[in-house]
C-alpha cells in the first residue's frame, strides 16, 4: 500500500500550491512546469505500481486455479 500512497501524496504535495501560484499577477511559469512534471512522473510511477500489483494478483489466481484443477499427492507445481 505504501508504494501506491507515496506517489499519490507526492502528487498532492505538488498540486496543492499550483492554484495559488497561478492566482498571482505574475505566475512563475517555470515553477509551474516543474510541479506539473513532478505530478506526471508520480502518476506514471503509481500506474506502474498498480499494473505490477494487478499482474501479481492475476498470476496468483492462475496459480491457484492450476492447484485446484491439477494436484498430485506430495507435489505442488506453481
N, C-alpha and C. Protein backbone atom coordinates (compact mmCIF):
# COMPACT_ATOMS: atom_id res chain seq x y z
N UNK A 1 0.82 -1.19 0.00
CA UNK A 1 0.00 0.00 0.00
C UNK A 1 0.87 1.26 0.00
N UNK A 2 2.00 1.21 0.71
CA UNK A 2 2.90 2.37 0.77
C UNK A 2 3.39 2.75 -0.63
N UNK A 3 3.62 1.75 -1.48
CA UNK A 3 4.12 2.03 -2.82
C UNK A 3 3.10 2.78 -3.66
N UNK A 4 1.84 2.70 -3.30
CA UNK A 4 0.80 3.45 -4.01
C UNK A 4 0.58 4.80 -3.33
N UNK A 5 0.52 4.79 -2.00
CA UNK A 5 0.23 6.03 -1.27
C UNK A 5 1.32 7.08 -1.43
N UNK A 6 2.58 6.65 -1.45
CA UNK A 6 3.67 7.63 -1.53
C UNK A 6 3.60 8.48 -2.80
N UNK A 7 3.50 7.87 -4.01
CA UNK A 7 3.40 8.72 -5.20
C UNK A 7 2.14 9.58 -5.20
N UNK A 8 1.04 9.07 -4.62
CA UNK A 8 -0.17 9.88 -4.55
C UNK A 8 0.04 11.09 -3.65
N UNK A 9 0.73 10.91 -2.53
CA UNK A 9 0.98 12.05 -1.65
C UNK A 9 1.92 13.05 -2.31
N UNK A 10 2.85 12.56 -3.13
CA UNK A 10 3.74 13.46 -3.87
C UNK A 10 2.92 14.29 -4.87
N UNK A 11 1.96 13.65 -5.53
CA UNK A 11 1.10 14.38 -6.48
C UNK A 11 0.34 15.48 -5.77
N UNK A 12 -0.22 15.15 -4.62
CA UNK A 12 -0.99 16.14 -3.85
C UNK A 12 -0.07 17.29 -3.41
N UNK A 13 1.12 16.91 -2.90
CA UNK A 13 2.06 17.93 -2.43
C UNK A 13 2.48 18.88 -3.56
N UNK A 14 2.58 18.36 -4.78
CA UNK A 14 2.96 19.21 -5.91
C UNK A 14 1.77 19.96 -6.50
N UNK A 15 0.58 19.40 -6.38
CA UNK A 15 -0.59 20.04 -6.97
C UNK A 15 -1.17 21.14 -6.08
N UNK A 16 -1.14 20.94 -4.77
CA UNK A 16 -1.74 21.92 -3.85
C UNK A 16 -1.27 23.36 -4.06
N UNK A 17 0.01 23.61 -4.24
CA UNK A 17 0.44 25.00 -4.41
C UNK A 17 0.15 25.59 -5.80
N UNK A 18 -0.31 24.76 -6.73
CA UNK A 18 -0.47 25.23 -8.12
C UNK A 18 -1.47 26.37 -8.25
N UNK A 19 -2.61 26.26 -7.60
CA UNK A 19 -3.64 27.29 -7.74
C UNK A 19 -3.16 28.64 -7.20
N UNK A 20 -2.61 28.69 -5.99
CA UNK A 20 -2.11 29.99 -5.52
C UNK A 20 -1.02 30.57 -6.43
N UNK A 21 -0.15 29.69 -6.96
CA UNK A 21 0.88 30.18 -7.88
C UNK A 21 0.25 30.80 -9.11
N UNK A 22 -0.76 30.13 -9.65
CA UNK A 22 -1.41 30.64 -10.86
C UNK A 22 -2.25 31.88 -10.59
N UNK A 23 -2.73 32.04 -9.35
CA UNK A 23 -3.53 33.22 -8.99
C UNK A 23 -2.69 34.49 -8.87
N UNK A 24 -1.40 34.35 -8.83
CA UNK A 24 -0.53 35.53 -8.74
C UNK A 24 -0.65 36.38 -9.99
N UNK A 25 -0.36 37.65 -9.83
CA UNK A 25 -0.43 38.54 -11.00
C UNK A 25 0.63 38.15 -12.03
N UNK A 26 1.78 37.68 -11.57
CA UNK A 26 2.85 37.21 -12.46
C UNK A 26 3.25 35.79 -12.03
N UNK A 27 2.51 34.77 -12.47
CA UNK A 27 2.85 33.41 -12.06
C UNK A 27 4.23 32.99 -12.57
N UNK A 28 4.89 32.17 -11.78
CA UNK A 28 6.20 31.65 -12.13
C UNK A 28 5.99 30.40 -13.00
N UNK A 29 6.01 30.60 -14.31
CA UNK A 29 5.71 29.53 -15.25
C UNK A 29 6.70 28.37 -15.14
N UNK A 30 7.95 28.67 -14.93
CA UNK A 30 8.95 27.60 -14.80
C UNK A 30 8.66 26.73 -13.57
N UNK A 31 8.25 27.37 -12.49
CA UNK A 31 7.92 26.64 -11.27
C UNK A 31 6.68 25.76 -11.51
N UNK A 32 5.72 26.30 -12.25
CA UNK A 32 4.51 25.55 -12.59
C UNK A 32 4.84 24.34 -13.45
N UNK A 33 5.68 24.55 -14.45
CA UNK A 33 6.08 23.44 -15.33
C UNK A 33 6.76 22.34 -14.53
N UNK A 34 7.64 22.73 -13.62
CA UNK A 34 8.36 21.74 -12.81
C UNK A 34 7.39 20.96 -11.93
N UNK A 35 6.43 21.65 -11.33
CA UNK A 35 5.44 20.97 -10.48
C UNK A 35 4.60 20.00 -11.30
N UNK A 36 4.18 20.43 -12.49
CA UNK A 36 3.38 19.56 -13.35
C UNK A 36 4.18 18.34 -13.81
N UNK A 37 5.46 18.54 -14.07
CA UNK A 37 6.31 17.41 -14.46
C UNK A 37 6.42 16.41 -13.31
N UNK A 38 6.59 16.91 -12.08
CA UNK A 38 6.66 16.01 -10.93
C UNK A 38 5.35 15.25 -10.74
N UNK A 39 4.23 15.94 -10.96
CA UNK A 39 2.92 15.28 -10.84
C UNK A 39 2.80 14.18 -11.89
N UNK A 40 3.17 14.48 -13.13
CA UNK A 40 3.10 13.48 -14.20
C UNK A 40 4.01 12.29 -13.90
N UNK A 41 5.21 12.55 -13.40
CA UNK A 41 6.13 11.47 -13.04
C UNK A 41 5.54 10.59 -11.94
N UNK A 42 4.92 11.22 -10.95
CA UNK A 42 4.30 10.46 -9.86
C UNK A 42 3.13 9.61 -10.39
N UNK A 43 2.37 10.17 -11.31
CA UNK A 43 1.27 9.40 -11.93
C UNK A 43 1.80 8.17 -12.64
N UNK A 44 2.89 8.34 -13.38
CA UNK A 44 3.48 7.20 -14.09
C UNK A 44 3.97 6.13 -13.11
N UNK A 45 4.64 6.55 -12.03
CA UNK A 45 5.11 5.59 -11.04
C UNK A 45 3.95 4.85 -10.39
N UNK A 46 2.90 5.59 -10.05
CA UNK A 46 1.73 4.96 -9.44
C UNK A 46 1.09 3.98 -10.40
N UNK A 47 0.98 4.36 -11.66
CA UNK A 47 0.42 3.46 -12.67
C UNK A 47 1.24 2.19 -12.80
N UNK A 48 2.56 2.32 -12.75
CA UNK A 48 3.43 1.14 -12.85
C UNK A 48 3.25 0.23 -11.65
N UNK A 49 3.13 0.81 -10.46
CA UNK A 49 2.92 0.00 -9.25
C UNK A 49 1.58 -0.73 -9.32
N UNK A 50 0.54 -0.03 -9.74
CA UNK A 50 -0.78 -0.64 -9.86
C UNK A 50 -0.76 -1.76 -10.89
N UNK A 51 -0.11 -1.53 -12.02
CA UNK A 51 -0.02 -2.56 -13.06
C UNK A 51 0.73 -3.78 -12.55
N UNK A 52 1.85 -3.55 -11.85
CA UNK A 52 2.63 -4.66 -11.30
C UNK A 52 1.78 -5.45 -10.31
N UNK A 53 1.09 -4.74 -9.43
CA UNK A 53 0.24 -5.41 -8.44
C UNK A 53 -0.87 -6.20 -9.13
N UNK A 54 -1.47 -5.63 -10.14
CA UNK A 54 -2.53 -6.31 -10.89
C UNK A 54 -2.00 -7.58 -11.53
N UNK A 55 -0.80 -7.50 -12.12
CA UNK A 55 -0.19 -8.69 -12.73
C UNK A 55 0.09 -9.76 -11.69
N UNK A 56 0.56 -9.36 -10.50
CA UNK A 56 0.83 -10.32 -9.43
C UNK A 56 -0.45 -11.01 -8.99
N UNK A 57 -1.53 -10.24 -8.87
CA UNK A 57 -2.82 -10.82 -8.48
C UNK A 57 -3.29 -11.82 -9.53
N UNK A 58 -3.16 -11.46 -10.81
CA UNK A 58 -3.56 -12.37 -11.88
C UNK A 58 -2.72 -13.64 -11.86
N UNK A 59 -1.42 -13.51 -11.59
CA UNK A 59 -0.54 -14.69 -11.53
C UNK A 59 -0.94 -15.59 -10.36
N UNK A 60 -1.28 -15.00 -9.22
CA UNK A 60 -1.71 -15.79 -8.06
C UNK A 60 -3.00 -16.54 -8.37
N UNK A 61 -3.92 -15.85 -9.04
CA UNK A 61 -5.19 -16.51 -9.40
C UNK A 61 -4.94 -17.67 -10.35
N UNK A 62 -4.06 -17.46 -11.31
CA UNK A 62 -3.75 -18.53 -12.26
C UNK A 62 -3.10 -19.70 -11.54
N UNK A 63 -2.21 -19.42 -10.61
CA UNK A 63 -1.54 -20.46 -9.83
C UNK A 63 -2.56 -21.20 -8.99
N UNK A 64 -3.44 -20.47 -8.35
CA UNK A 64 -4.48 -21.08 -7.53
C UNK A 64 -5.38 -21.97 -8.37
N UNK A 65 -5.73 -21.51 -9.55
CA UNK A 65 -6.57 -22.29 -10.45
C UNK A 65 -5.86 -23.58 -10.84
N UNK A 66 -4.56 -23.50 -11.15
CA UNK A 66 -3.80 -24.69 -11.51
C UNK A 66 -3.77 -25.67 -10.35
N UNK A 67 -3.63 -25.16 -9.14
CA UNK A 67 -3.56 -26.03 -7.97
C UNK A 67 -4.89 -26.73 -7.71
N UNK A 68 -5.99 -26.07 -8.01
CA UNK A 68 -7.28 -26.69 -7.76
C UNK A 68 -7.67 -27.66 -8.87
N UNK A 69 -7.13 -27.49 -10.05
CA UNK A 69 -7.52 -28.35 -11.15
C UNK A 69 -6.55 -29.51 -11.37
N UNK A 70 -5.28 -29.31 -11.04
CA UNK A 70 -4.28 -30.37 -11.24
C UNK A 70 -3.49 -30.52 -9.96
N UNK A 71 -3.73 -31.56 -9.23
CA UNK A 71 -2.97 -31.80 -7.99
C UNK A 71 -2.47 -33.24 -8.00
N UNK A 72 -1.31 -33.38 -7.47
CA UNK A 72 -0.70 -34.70 -7.31
C UNK A 72 -0.28 -34.82 -5.84
N UNK A 73 -0.52 -35.97 -5.23
CA UNK A 73 -0.14 -36.11 -3.82
C UNK A 73 1.35 -35.83 -3.62
N UNK A 74 1.63 -34.92 -2.69
CA UNK A 74 3.01 -34.60 -2.36
C UNK A 74 3.72 -33.70 -3.35
N UNK A 75 3.06 -33.25 -4.38
CA UNK A 75 3.70 -32.40 -5.39
C UNK A 75 2.83 -31.19 -5.66
N UNK A 76 3.44 -30.04 -5.53
CA UNK A 76 2.74 -28.79 -5.86
C UNK A 76 3.57 -28.07 -6.89
N UNK A 77 2.99 -27.82 -8.04
CA UNK A 77 3.68 -27.11 -9.12
C UNK A 77 2.96 -25.79 -9.35
N UNK A 78 3.71 -24.72 -9.27
CA UNK A 78 3.10 -23.41 -9.45
C UNK A 78 4.03 -22.51 -10.20
